[in-house]
């Protein structure tokens, strides 16, 4: 194999190694959205607006489940359970919903994305 062909193959290999991965990009987008909505839910809970907390926590749950499907992780799995619990508590206007969703947010932020 001549030198030019070898350099072209090595370059192509390196380019494909650093090329963005669609599944990882989707999971990263989903995690970004999950964290954003979890933060909004916590802020709404601190302001005493349980209906807004439930709406944002539901959105965070949707995105967290999508991210978990793309790239499973134990922290995200536990955050999903906490979000579900926080939604149930928020629907009952319980003040602890904010604390539960905050813990879910912490777990989402700890997940390696």
PDB file of N, CA and C in Angstrom:
ATOM      1  N   UNK A   1       0.857  -1.174   0.000  1.00  0.00           N
ATOM      2  CA  UNK A   1       0.000   0.000   0.000  1.00  0.00           C
ATOM      3  C   UNK A   1       0.903   1.238   0.000  1.00  0.00           C
ATOM      4  N   UNK A   2       0.571   2.173  -0.838  1.00  0.00           N
ATOM      5  CA  UNK A   2       1.428   3.350  -0.906  1.00  0.00           C
ATOM      6  C   UNK A   2       1.146   4.311   0.254  1.00  0.00           C
ATOM      7  N   UNK A   3       2.027   5.250   0.377  1.00  0.00           N
ATOM      8  CA  UNK A   3       1.994   6.165   1.518  1.00  0.00           C
ATOM      9  C   UNK A   3       0.726   7.027   1.547  1.00  0.00           C
ATOM     10  N   UNK A   4       0.288   7.533   0.423  1.00  0.00           N
ATOM     11  CA  UNK A   4      -0.913   8.383   0.364  1.00  0.00           C
ATOM     12  C   UNK A   4      -2.156   7.605   0.784  1.00  0.00           C
ATOM     13  N   UNK A   5      -2.263   6.389   0.320  1.00  0.00           N
ATOM     14  CA  UNK A   5      -3.417   5.565   0.679  1.00  0.00           C
ATOM     15  C   UNK A   5      -3.417   5.284   2.177  1.00  0.00           C
ATOM     16  N   UNK A   6      -2.249   5.018   2.748  1.00  0.00           N
ATOM     17  CA  UNK A   6      -2.138   4.755   4.181  1.00  0.00           C
ATOM     18  C   UNK A   6      -2.545   5.984   4.991  1.00  0.00           C
ATOM     19  N   UNK A   7      -2.081   7.142   4.583  1.00  0.00           N
ATOM     20  CA  UNK A   7      -2.428   8.388   5.284  1.00  0.00           C
ATOM     21  C   UNK A   7      -3.930   8.650   5.169  1.00  0.00           C
ATOM     22  N   UNK A   8      -4.500   8.398   4.004  1.00  0.00           N
ATOM     23  CA  UNK A   8      -5.939   8.605   3.815  1.00  0.00           C
ATOM     24  C   UNK A   8      -6.736   7.666   4.721  1.00  0.00           C
ATOM     25  N   UNK A   9      -6.339   6.431   4.839  1.00  0.00           N
ATOM     26  CA  UNK A   9      -7.046   5.479   5.698  1.00  0.00           C
ATOM     27  C   UNK A   9      -6.937   5.863   7.169  1.00  0.00           C
ATOM     28  N   UNK A  10      -5.766   6.281   7.590  1.00  0.00           N
ATOM     29  CA  UNK A  10      -5.593   6.707   8.980  1.00  0.00           C
ATOM     30  C   UNK A  10      -6.434   7.949   9.255  1.00  0.00           C
ATOM     31  N   UNK A  11      -6.436   8.889   8.345  1.00  0.00           N
ATOM     32  CA  UNK A  11      -7.242  10.109   8.512  1.00  0.00           C
ATOM     33  C   UNK A  11      -8.722   9.784   8.589  1.00  0.00           C
ATOM     34  N   UNK A  12      -9.171   8.888   7.736  1.00  0.00           N
ATOM     35  CA  UNK A  12     -10.577   8.485   7.740  1.00  0.00           C
ATOM     36  C   UNK A  12     -10.941   7.800   9.042  1.00  0.00           C
ATOM     37  N   UNK A  13     -10.039   6.971   9.528  1.00  0.00           N
ATOM     38  CA  UNK A  13     -10.274   6.288  10.802  1.00  0.00           C
ATOM     39  C   UNK A  13     -10.380   7.259  11.960  1.00  0.00           C
ATOM     40  N   UNK A  14      -9.475   8.229  12.007  1.00  0.00           N
ATOM     41  CA  UNK A  14      -9.515   9.239  13.067  1.00  0.00           C
ATOM     42  C   UNK A  14     -10.767  10.103  12.967  1.00  0.00           C
ATOM     43  N   UNK A  15     -11.145  10.467  11.752  1.00  0.00           N
ATOM     44  CA  UNK A  15     -12.347  11.293  11.572  1.00  0.00           C
ATOM     45  C   UNK A  15     -13.587  10.546  12.039  1.00  0.00           C
ATOM     46  N   UNK A  16     -13.671   9.259  11.742  1.00  0.00           N
ATOM     47  CA  UNK A  16     -14.853   8.506  12.169  1.00  0.00           C
ATOM     48  C   UNK A  16     -14.858   8.290  13.679  1.00  0.00           C
ATOM     49  N   UNK A  17     -13.661   8.247  14.282  1.00  0.00           N
ATOM     50  CA  UNK A  17     -13.588   8.074  15.739  1.00  0.00           C
ATOM     51  C   UNK A  17     -14.145   9.295  16.459  1.00  0.00           C
ATOM     52  N   UNK A  18     -13.839  10.494  15.960  1.00  0.00           N
ATOM     53  CA  UNK A  18     -14.280  11.719  16.613  1.00  0.00           C
ATOM     54  C   UNK A  18     -15.600  12.269  16.063  1.00  0.00           C
ATOM     55  N   UNK A  19     -16.187  11.582  15.137  1.00  0.00           N
ATOM     56  CA  UNK A  19     -17.469  12.039  14.579  1.00  0.00           C
ATOM     57  C   UNK A  19     -18.550  11.925  15.648  1.00  0.00           C
ATOM     58  N   UNK A  20     -19.500  12.840  15.662  1.00  0.00           N
ATOM     59  CA  UNK A  20     -20.567  12.768  16.661  1.00  0.00           C
ATOM     60  C   UNK A  20     -21.410  11.516  16.476  1.00  0.00           C
ATOM     61  N   UNK A  21     -21.768  10.935  17.572  1.00  0.00           N
ATOM     62  CA  UNK A  21     -22.596   9.735  17.562  1.00  0.00           C
ATOM     63  C   UNK A  21     -24.056  10.154  17.713  1.00  0.00           C
ATOM     64  N   UNK A  22     -24.934   9.824  16.775  1.00  0.00           N
ATOM     65  CA  UNK A  22     -26.329  10.265  16.847  1.00  0.00           C
ATOM     66  C   UNK A  22     -27.037   9.817  18.114  1.00  0.00           C
ATOM     67  N   UNK A  23     -26.842   8.584  18.545  1.00  0.00           N
ATOM     68  CA  UNK A  23     -27.534   8.102  19.745  1.00  0.00           C
ATOM     69  C   UNK A  23     -27.064   8.865  20.975  1.00  0.00           C
ATOM     70  N   UNK A  24     -25.775   9.093  21.064  1.00  0.00           N
ATOM     71  CA  UNK A  24     -25.237   9.831  22.192  1.00  0.00           C
ATOM     72  C   UNK A  24     -25.720  11.278  22.167  1.00  0.00           C
ATOM     73  N   UNK A  25     -25.800  11.854  20.993  1.00  0.00           N
ATOM     74  CA  UNK A  25     -26.290  13.230  20.874  1.00  0.00           C
ATOM     75  C   UNK A  25     -27.745  13.326  21.317  1.00  0.00           C
ATOM     76  N   UNK A  26     -28.557  12.334  20.922  1.00  0.00           N
ATOM     77  CA  UNK A  26     -29.965  12.335  21.352  1.00  0.00           C
ATOM     78  C   UNK A  26     -30.063  12.180  22.865  1.00  0.00           C
ATOM     79  N   UNK A  27     -29.276  11.260  23.425  1.00  0.00           N
ATOM     80  CA  UNK A  27     -29.313  11.043  24.872  1.00  0.00           C
ATOM     81  C   UNK A  27     -28.871  12.302  25.601  1.00  0.00           C
ATOM     82  N   UNK A  28     -27.830  12.959  25.083  1.00  0.00           N
ATOM     83  CA  UNK A  28     -27.348  14.179  25.708  1.00  0.00           C
ATOM     84  C   UNK A  28     -28.409  15.276  25.646  1.00  0.00           C
ATOM     85  N   UNK A  29     -29.082  15.398  24.498  1.00  0.00           N
ATOM     86  CA  UNK A  29     -30.156  16.385  24.369  1.00  0.00           C
ATOM     87  C   UNK A  29     -31.282  16.062  25.354  1.00  0.00           C
ATOM     88  N   UNK A  30     -31.640  14.805  25.443  1.00  0.00           N
ATOM     89  CA  UNK A  30     -32.709  14.405  26.360  1.00  0.00           C
ATOM     90  C   UNK A  30     -32.329  14.697  27.808  1.00  0.00           C
ATOM     91  N   UNK A  31     -31.068  14.453  28.160  1.00  0.00           N
ATOM     92  CA  UNK A  31     -30.631  14.739  29.531  1.00  0.00           C
ATOM     93  C   UNK A  31     -30.634  16.241  29.798  1.00  0.00           C
ATOM     94  N   UNK A  32     -30.209  17.013  28.835  1.00  0.00           N
ATOM     95  CA  UNK A  32     -30.215  18.465  29.002  1.00  0.00           C
ATOM     96  C   UNK A  32     -31.634  18.966  29.243  1.00  0.00           C
ATOM     97  N   UNK A  33     -32.567  18.447  28.471  1.00  0.00           N
ATOM     98  CA  UNK A  33     -33.966  18.847  28.640  1.00  0.00           C
ATOM     99  C   UNK A  33     -34.528  18.352  29.970  1.00  0.00           C
ATOM    100  N   UNK A  34     -34.181  17.133  30.365  1.00  0.00           N
ATOM    101  CA  UNK A  34     -34.662  16.586  31.643  1.00  0.00           C
ATOM    102  C   UNK A  34     -34.170  17.450  32.799  1.00  0.00           C
ATOM    103  N   UNK A  35     -32.902  17.825  32.767  1.00  0.00           N
ATOM    104  CA  UNK A  35     -32.340  18.665  33.830  1.00  0.00           C
ATOM    105  C   UNK A  35     -32.999  20.039  33.823  1.00  0.00           C
ATOM    106  N   UNK A  36     -33.193  20.606  32.654  1.00  0.00           N
ATOM    107  CA  UNK A  36     -33.840  21.926  32.545  1.00  0.00           C
ATOM    108  C   UNK A  36     -35.234  21.887  33.174  1.00  0.00           C
ATOM    109  N   UNK A  37     -36.038  20.899  32.806  1.00  0.00           N
ATOM    110  CA  UNK A  37     -37.407  20.829  33.330  1.00  0.00           C
ATOM    111  C   UNK A  37     -37.435  20.476  34.818  1.00  0.00           C
ATOM    112  N   UNK A  38     -36.481  19.679  35.271  1.00  0.00           N
ATOM    113  CA  UNK A  38     -36.417  19.383  36.707  1.00  0.00           C
ATOM    114  C   UNK A  38     -36.088  20.652  37.492  1.00  0.00           C
ATOM    115  N   UNK A  39     -35.190  21.474  36.972  1.00  0.00           N
ATOM    116  CA  UNK A  39     -34.871  22.754  37.631  1.00  0.00           C
ATOM    117  C   UNK A  39     -36.091  23.666  37.676  1.00  0.00           C
ATOM    118  N   UNK A  40     -36.823  23.716  36.568  1.00  0.00           N
ATOM    119  CA  UNK A  40     -38.042  24.530  36.529  1.00  0.00           C
ATOM    120  C   UNK A  40     -39.075  24.008  37.535  1.00  0.00           C
ATOM    121  N   UNK A  41     -39.165  22.693  37.650  1.00  0.00           N
ATOM    122  CA  UNK A  41     -40.117  22.092  38.593  1.00  0.00           C
ATOM    123  C   UNK A  41     -39.752  22.461  40.028  1.00  0.00           C
ATOM    124  N   UNK A  42     -38.478  22.392  40.355  1.00  0.00           N
ATOM    125  CA  UNK A  42     -38.025  22.744  41.706  1.00  0.00           C
ATOM    126  C   UNK A  42     -38.308  24.226  41.982  1.00  0.00           C
ATOM    127  N   UNK A  43     -38.025  25.071  41.009  1.00  0.00           N
ATOM    128  CA  UNK A  43     -38.287  26.507  41.184  1.00  0.00           C
ATOM    129  C   UNK A  43     -39.777  26.764  41.414  1.00  0.00           C
ATOM    130  N   UNK A  44     -40.617  26.078  40.658  1.00  0.00           N
ATOM    131  CA  UNK A  44     -42.065  26.247  40.827  1.00  0.00           C
ATOM    132  C   UNK A  44     -42.515  25.746  42.193  1.00  0.00           C
ATOM    133  N   UNK A  45     -41.936  24.644  42.638  1.00  0.00           N
ATOM    134  CA  UNK A  45     -42.280  24.128  43.962  1.00  0.00           C
ATOM    135  C   UNK A  45     -41.888  25.085  45.062  1.00  0.00           C
ATOM    136  N   UNK A  46     -40.738  25.707  44.926  1.00  0.00           N
ATOM    137  CA  UNK A  46     -40.287  26.683  45.928  1.00  0.00           C
ATOM    138  C   UNK A  46     -41.154  27.930  45.934  1.00  0.00           C
ATOM    139  N   UNK A  47     -41.768  28.224  44.783  1.00  0.00           N
ATOM    140  CA  UNK A  47     -42.674  29.376  44.700  1.00  0.00           C
ATOM    141  C   UNK A  47     -44.097  29.020  45.125  1.00  0.00           C
ATOM    142  N   UNK A  48     -44.327  27.757  45.463  1.00  0.00           N
ATOM    143  CA  UNK A  48     -45.653  27.333  45.907  1.00  0.00           C
ATOM    144  C   UNK A  48     -46.639  27.130  44.769  1.00  0.00           C
ATOM    145  N   UNK A  49     -46.156  26.699  43.608  1.00  0.00           N
ATOM    146  CA  UNK A  49     -47.027  26.460  42.458  1.00  0.00           C
ATOM    147  C   UNK A  49     -46.983  24.978  42.078  1.00  0.00           C
ATOM    148  N   UNK A  50     -47.762  24.145  42.771  1.00  0.00           N
ATOM    149  CA  UNK A  50     -47.691  22.697  42.549  1.00  0.00           C
ATOM    150  C   UNK A  50     -48.105  22.258  41.147  1.00  0.00           C
ATOM    151  N   UNK A  51     -49.045  22.953  40.520  1.00  0.00           N
ATOM    152  CA  UNK A  51     -49.468  22.537  39.179  1.00  0.00           C
ATOM    153  C   UNK A  51     -48.339  22.730  38.168  1.00  0.00           C
ATOM    154  N   UNK A  52     -47.561  23.798  38.333  1.00  0.00           N
ATOM    155  CA  UNK A  52     -46.425  24.038  37.443  1.00  0.00           C
ATOM    156  C   UNK A  52     -45.316  23.029  37.744  1.00  0.00           C
ATOM    157  N   UNK A  53     -45.130  22.711  39.024  1.00  0.00           N
ATOM    158  CA  UNK A  53     -44.165  21.686  39.396  1.00  0.00           C
ATOM    159  C   UNK A  53     -44.497  20.367  38.709  1.00  0.00           C
ATOM    160  N   UNK A  54     -45.759  19.971  38.758  1.00  0.00           N
ATOM    161  CA  UNK A  54     -46.180  18.709  38.143  1.00  0.00           C
ATOM    162  C   UNK A  54     -45.951  18.751  36.639  1.00  0.00           C
ATOM    163  N   UNK A  55     -46.277  19.860  36.000  1.00  0.00           N
ATOM    164  CA  UNK A  55     -46.110  19.957  34.551  1.00  0.00           C
ATOM    165  C   UNK A  55     -44.641  19.809  34.151  1.00  0.00           C
ATOM    166  N   UNK A  56     -43.747  20.529  34.845  1.00  0.00           N
ATOM    167  CA  UNK A  56     -42.323  20.451  34.502  1.00  0.00           C
ATOM    168  C   UNK A  56     -41.722  19.105  34.916  1.00  0.00           C
ATOM    169  N   UNK A  57     -42.156  18.560  36.026  1.00  0.00           N
ATOM    170  CA  UNK A  57     -41.652  17.251  36.449  1.00  0.00           C
ATOM    171  C   UNK A  57     -42.079  16.173  35.457  1.00  0.00           C
ATOM    172  N   UNK A  58     -43.266  16.303  34.894  1.00  0.00           N
ATOM    173  CA  UNK A  58     -43.747  15.357  33.886  1.00  0.00           C
ATOM    174  C   UNK A  58     -42.897  15.454  32.626  1.00  0.00           C
ATOM    175  N   UNK A  59     -42.556  16.666  32.223  1.00  0.00           N
ATOM    176  CA  UNK A  59     -41.674  16.852  31.064  1.00  0.00           C
ATOM    177  C   UNK A  59     -40.288  16.276  31.351  1.00  0.00           C
ATOM    178  N   UNK A  60     -39.771  16.540  32.549  1.00  0.00           N
ATOM    179  CA  UNK A  60     -38.461  15.997  32.930  1.00  0.00           C
ATOM    180  C   UNK A  60     -38.488  14.475  32.899  1.00  0.00           C
ATOM    181  N   UNK A  61     -39.578  13.891  33.365  1.00  0.00           N
ATOM    182  CA  UNK A  61     -39.727  12.434  33.360  1.00  0.00           C
ATOM    183  C   UNK A  61     -39.707  11.898  31.936  1.00  0.00           C
ATOM    184  N   UNK A  62     -40.420  12.567  31.055  1.00  0.00           N
ATOM    185  CA  UNK A  62     -40.461  12.155  29.649  1.00  0.00           C
ATOM    186  C   UNK A  62     -39.053  12.119  29.049  1.00  0.00           C
ATOM    187  N   UNK A  63     -38.297  13.190  29.247  1.00  0.00           N
ATOM    188  CA  UNK A  63     -36.954  13.265  28.687  1.00  0.00           C
ATOM    189  C   UNK A  63     -35.986  12.307  29.384  1.00  0.00           C
ATOM    190  N   UNK A  64     -36.142  12.128  30.696  1.00  0.00           N
ATOM    191  CA  UNK A  64     -35.273  11.197  31.414  1.00  0.00           C
ATOM    192  C   UNK A  64     -35.491   9.767  30.936  1.00  0.00           C
ATOM    193  N   UNK A  65     -36.738   9.409  30.677  1.00  0.00           N
ATOM    194  CA  UNK A  65     -37.020   8.064  30.161  1.00  0.00           C
ATOM    195  C   UNK A  65     -36.413   7.879  28.777  1.00  0.00           C
ATOM    196  N   UNK A  66     -36.492   8.904  27.958  1.00  0.00           N
ATOM    197  CA  UNK A  66     -35.906   8.820  26.621  1.00  0.00           C
ATOM    198  C   UNK A  66     -34.385   8.675  26.705  1.00  0.00           C
ATOM    199  N   UNK A  67     -33.756   9.422  27.597  1.00  0.00           N
ATOM    200  CA  UNK A  67     -32.306   9.318  27.773  1.00  0.00           C
ATOM    201  C   UNK A  67     -31.919   7.948  28.312  1.00  0.00           C
ATOM    202  N   UNK A  68     -32.720   7.424  29.222  1.00  0.00           N
ATOM    203  CA  UNK A  68     -32.453   6.105  29.803  1.00  0.00           C
ATOM    204  C   UNK A  68     -32.558   5.021  28.736  1.00  0.00           C
ATOM    205  N   UNK A  69     -33.474   5.201  27.818  1.00  0.00           N
ATOM    206  CA  UNK A  69     -33.638   4.249  26.722  1.00  0.00           C
ATOM    207  C   UNK A  69     -32.410   4.265  25.803  1.00  0.00           C
ATOM    208  N   UNK A  70     -31.903   5.461  25.529  1.00  0.00           N
ATOM    209  CA  UNK A  70     -30.749   5.606  24.647  1.00  0.00           C
ATOM    210  C   UNK A  70     -29.466   5.107  25.285  1.00  0.00           C
ATOM    211  N   UNK A  71     -29.299   5.448  26.558  1.00  0.00           N
ATOM    212  CA  UNK A  71     -28.052   5.100  27.260  1.00  0.00           C
ATOM    213  C   UNK A  71     -28.360   4.859  28.733  1.00  0.00           C
ATOM    214  N   UNK A  72     -28.669   3.619  29.118  1.00  0.00           N
ATOM    215  CA  UNK A  72     -29.070   3.308  30.499  1.00  0.00           C
ATOM    216  C   UNK A  72     -27.984   3.650  31.525  1.00  0.00           C
ATOM    217  N   UNK A  73     -28.442   4.154  32.665  1.00  0.00           N
ATOM    218  CA  UNK A  73     -27.546   4.461  33.774  1.00  0.00           C
ATOM    219  C   UNK A  73     -28.337   4.366  35.080  1.00  0.00           C
ATOM    220  N   UNK A  74     -27.745   3.805  36.145  1.00  0.00           N
ATOM    221  CA  UNK A  74     -28.478   3.649  37.414  1.00  0.00           C
ATOM    222  C   UNK A  74     -28.952   4.966  38.032  1.00  0.00           C
ATOM    223  N   UNK A  75     -28.158   6.033  37.886  1.00  0.00           N
ATOM    224  CA  UNK A  75     -28.564   7.329  38.443  1.00  0.00           C
ATOM    225  C   UNK A  75     -29.845   7.830  37.763  1.00  0.00           C
ATOM    226  N   UNK A  76     -29.923   7.652  36.462  1.00  0.00           N
ATOM    227  CA  UNK A  76     -31.105   8.100  35.724  1.00  0.00           C
ATOM    228  C   UNK A  76     -32.306   7.243  36.089  1.00  0.00           C
ATOM    229  N   UNK A  77     -32.082   5.950  36.252  1.00  0.00           N
ATOM    230  CA  UNK A  77     -33.174   5.051  36.643  1.00  0.00           C
ATOM    231  C   UNK A  77     -33.765   5.481  37.985  1.00  0.00           C
ATOM    232  N   UNK A  78     -32.916   5.777  38.933  1.00  0.00           N
ATOM    233  CA  UNK A  78     -33.386   6.225  40.250  1.00  0.00           C
ATOM    234  C   UNK A  78     -34.054   7.595  40.155  1.00  0.00           C
ATOM    235  N   UNK A  79     -33.528   8.473  39.315  1.00  0.00           N
ATOM    236  CA  UNK A  79     -34.135   9.791  39.131  1.00  0.00           C
ATOM    237  C   UNK A  79     -35.537   9.656  38.542  1.00  0.00           C
ATOM    238  N   UNK A  80     -35.728   8.700  37.655  1.00  0.00           N
ATOM    239  CA  UNK A  80     -37.051   8.463  37.066  1.00  0.00           C
ATOM    240  C   UNK A  80     -38.042   8.078  38.159  1.00  0.00           C
ATOM    241  N   UNK A  81     -37.615   7.191  39.060  1.00  0.00           N
ATOM    242  CA  UNK A  81     -38.508   6.796  40.160  1.00  0.00           C
ATOM    243  C   UNK A  81     -38.841   7.985  41.062  1.00  0.00           C
ATOM    244  N   UNK A  82     -37.851   8.801  41.324  1.00  0.00           N
ATOM    245  CA  UNK A  82     -38.090   9.979  42.173  1.00  0.00           C
ATOM    246  C   UNK A  82     -39.005  10.995  41.475  1.00  0.00           C
ATOM    247  N   UNK A  83     -38.824  11.174  40.188  1.00  0.00           N
ATOM    248  CA  UNK A  83     -39.705  12.094  39.454  1.00  0.00           C
ATOM    249  C   UNK A  83     -41.153  11.597  39.502  1.00  0.00           C
ATOM    250  N   UNK A  84     -41.343  10.296  39.320  1.00  0.00           N
ATOM    251  CA  UNK A  84     -42.699   9.737  39.392  1.00  0.00           C
ATOM    252  C   UNK A  84     -43.302   9.972  40.771  1.00  0.00           C
ATOM    253  N   UNK A  85     -42.497   9.770  41.804  1.00  0.00           N
ATOM    254  CA  UNK A  85     -42.970  10.005  43.167  1.00  0.00           C
ATOM    255  C   UNK A  85     -43.268  11.489  43.394  1.00  0.00           C
ATOM    256  N   UNK A  86     -42.391  12.361  42.895  1.00  0.00           N
ATOM    257  CA  UNK A  86     -42.598  13.797  43.040  1.00  0.00           C
ATOM    258  C   UNK A  86     -43.860  14.266  42.333  1.00  0.00           C
ATOM    259  N   UNK A  87     -44.168  13.673  41.187  1.00  0.00           N
ATOM    260  CA  UNK A  87     -45.391  14.021  40.462  1.00  0.00           C
ATOM    261  C   UNK A  87     -46.618  13.612  41.276  1.00  0.00           C
ATOM    262  N   UNK A  88     -46.574  12.397  41.823  1.00  0.00           N
ATOM    263  CA  UNK A  88     -47.711  11.950  42.655  1.00  0.00           C
ATOM    264  C   UNK A  88     -47.918  12.876  43.850  1.00  0.00           C
ATOM    265  N   UNK A  89     -46.846  13.249  44.511  1.00  0.00           N
ATOM    266  CA  UNK A  89     -46.951  14.136  45.670  1.00  0.00           C
ATOM    267  C   UNK A  89     -47.408  15.535  45.244  1.00  0.00           C
ATOM    268  N   UNK A  90     -46.907  16.005  44.128  1.00  0.00           N
ATOM    269  CA  UNK A  90     -47.298  17.327  43.637  1.00  0.00           C
ATOM    270  C   UNK A  90     -48.772  17.391  43.282  1.00  0.00           C
ATOM    271  N   UNK A  91     -49.302  16.300  42.733  1.00  0.00           N
ATOM    272  CA  UNK A  91     -50.728  16.259  42.396  1.00  0.00           C
ATOM    273  C   UNK A  91     -51.597  16.330  43.640  1.00  0.00           C
ATOM    274  N   UNK A  92     -51.028  15.936  44.771  1.00  0.00           N
ATOM    275  CA  UNK A  92     -51.763  16.009  46.052  1.00  0.00           C
ATOM    276  C   UNK A  92     -51.425  17.278  46.830  1.00  0.00           C
ATOM    277  N   UNK A  93     -50.711  18.199  46.177  1.00  0.00           N
ATOM    278  CA  UNK A  93     -50.312  19.469  46.799  1.00  0.00           C
ATOM    279  C   UNK A  93     -49.484  19.277  48.067  1.00  0.00           C
ATOM    280  N   UNK A  94     -48.649  18.263  48.083  1.00  0.00           N
ATOM    281  CA  UNK A  94     -47.799  18.031  49.247  1.00  0.00           C
ATOM    282  C   UNK A  94     -46.488  18.793  49.070  1.00  0.00           C
ATOM    283  N   UNK A  95     -46.057  19.431  50.121  1.00  0.00           N
ATOM    284  CA  UNK A  95     -44.855  20.257  50.070  1.00  0.00           C
ATOM    285  C   UNK A  95     -43.589  19.445  49.817  1.00  0.00           C
ATOM    286  N   UNK A  96     -43.597  18.160  50.180  1.00  0.00           N
ATOM    287  CA  UNK A  96     -42.401  17.334  50.011  1.00  0.00           C
ATOM    288  C   UNK A  96     -42.108  17.030  48.542  1.00  0.00           C
ATOM    289  N   UNK A  97     -43.041  17.346  47.644  1.00  0.00           N
ATOM    290  CA  UNK A  97     -42.812  17.105  46.216  1.00  0.00           C
ATOM    291  C   UNK A  97     -41.583  17.868  45.723  1.00  0.00           C
ATOM    292  N   UNK A  98     -41.402  19.066  46.210  1.00  0.00           N
ATOM    293  CA  UNK A  98     -40.249  19.868  45.783  1.00  0.00           C
ATOM    294  C   UNK A  98     -38.948  19.191  46.189  1.00  0.00           C
ATOM    295  N   UNK A  99     -38.888  18.699  47.399  1.00  0.00           N
ATOM    296  CA  UNK A  99     -37.681  18.034  47.887  1.00  0.00           C
ATOM    297  C   UNK A  99     -37.388  16.765  47.081  1.00  0.00           C
ATOM    298  N   UNK A 100     -38.427  16.019  46.748  1.00  0.00           N
ATOM    299  CA  UNK A 100     -38.263  14.779  45.992  1.00  0.00           C
ATOM    300  C   UNK A 100     -37.763  15.079  44.576  1.00  0.00           C
ATOM    301  N   UNK A 101     -38.353  16.082  43.937  1.00  0.00           N
ATOM    302  CA  UNK A 101     -37.919  16.441  42.583  1.00  0.00           C
ATOM    303  C   UNK A 101     -36.503  17.011  42.618  1.00  0.00           C
ATOM    304  N   UNK A 102     -36.158  17.716  43.684  1.00  0.00           N
ATOM    305  CA  UNK A 102     -34.799  18.235  43.822  1.00  0.00           C
ATOM    306  C   UNK A 102     -33.787  17.093  43.893  1.00  0.00           C
ATOM    307  N   UNK A 103     -34.119  16.049  44.613  1.00  0.00           N
ATOM    308  CA  UNK A 103     -33.228  14.878  44.681  1.00  0.00           C
ATOM    309  C   UNK A 103     -33.092  14.216  43.312  1.00  0.00           C
ATOM    310  N   UNK A 104     -34.196  14.164  42.571  1.00  0.00           N
ATOM    311  CA  UNK A 104     -34.133  13.620  41.206  1.00  0.00           C
ATOM    312  C   UNK A 104     -33.212  14.479  40.341  1.00  0.00           C
ATOM    313  N   UNK A 105     -33.321  15.792  40.489  1.00  0.00           N
ATOM    314  CA  UNK A 105     -32.452  16.710  39.747  1.00  0.00           C
ATOM    315  C   UNK A 105     -30.985  16.445  40.066  1.00  0.00           C
ATOM    316  N   UNK A 106     -30.657  16.263  41.331  1.00  0.00           N
ATOM    317  CA  UNK A 106     -29.287  15.979  41.713  1.00  0.00           C
ATOM    318  C   UNK A 106     -28.779  14.701  41.053  1.00  0.00           C
ATOM    319  N   UNK A 107     -29.636  13.699  40.986  1.00  0.00           N
ATOM    320  CA  UNK A 107     -29.217  12.443  40.355  1.00  0.00           C
ATOM    321  C   UNK A 107     -29.039  12.602  38.846  1.00  0.00           C
ATOM    322  N   UNK A 108     -29.901  13.371  38.228  1.00  0.00           N
ATOM    323  CA  UNK A 108     -29.746  13.619  36.793  1.00  0.00           C
ATOM    324  C   UNK A 108     -28.444  14.360  36.523  1.00  0.00           C
ATOM    325  N   UNK A 109     -28.107  15.295  37.366  1.00  0.00           N
ATOM    326  CA  UNK A 109     -26.881  16.064  37.182  1.00  0.00           C
ATOM    327  C   UNK A 109     -25.630  15.218  37.426  1.00  0.00           C
ATOM    328  N   UNK A 110     -25.755  14.196  38.264  1.00  0.00           N
ATOM    329  CA  UNK A 110     -24.601  13.315  38.537  1.00  0.00           C
ATOM    330  C   UNK A 110     -24.354  12.297  37.428  1.00  0.00           C
ATOM    331  N   UNK A 111     -25.361  12.043  36.621  1.00  0.00           N
ATOM    332  CA  UNK A 111     -25.212  11.042  35.551  1.00  0.00           C
ATOM    333  C   UNK A 111     -24.165  11.516  34.544  1.00  0.00           C
ATOM    334  N   UNK A 112     -23.307  10.616  34.090  1.00  0.00           N
ATOM    335  CA  UNK A 112     -22.224  11.019  33.160  1.00  0.00           C
ATOM    336  C   UNK A 112     -22.731  11.175  31.732  1.00  0.00           C
ATOM    337  N   UNK A 113     -22.901  12.392  31.272  1.00  0.00           N
ATOM    338  CA  UNK A 113     -23.343  12.642  29.890  1.00  0.00           C
ATOM    339  C   UNK A 113     -22.383  13.564  29.310  1.00  0.00           C
TER     340      UNK A 113
END
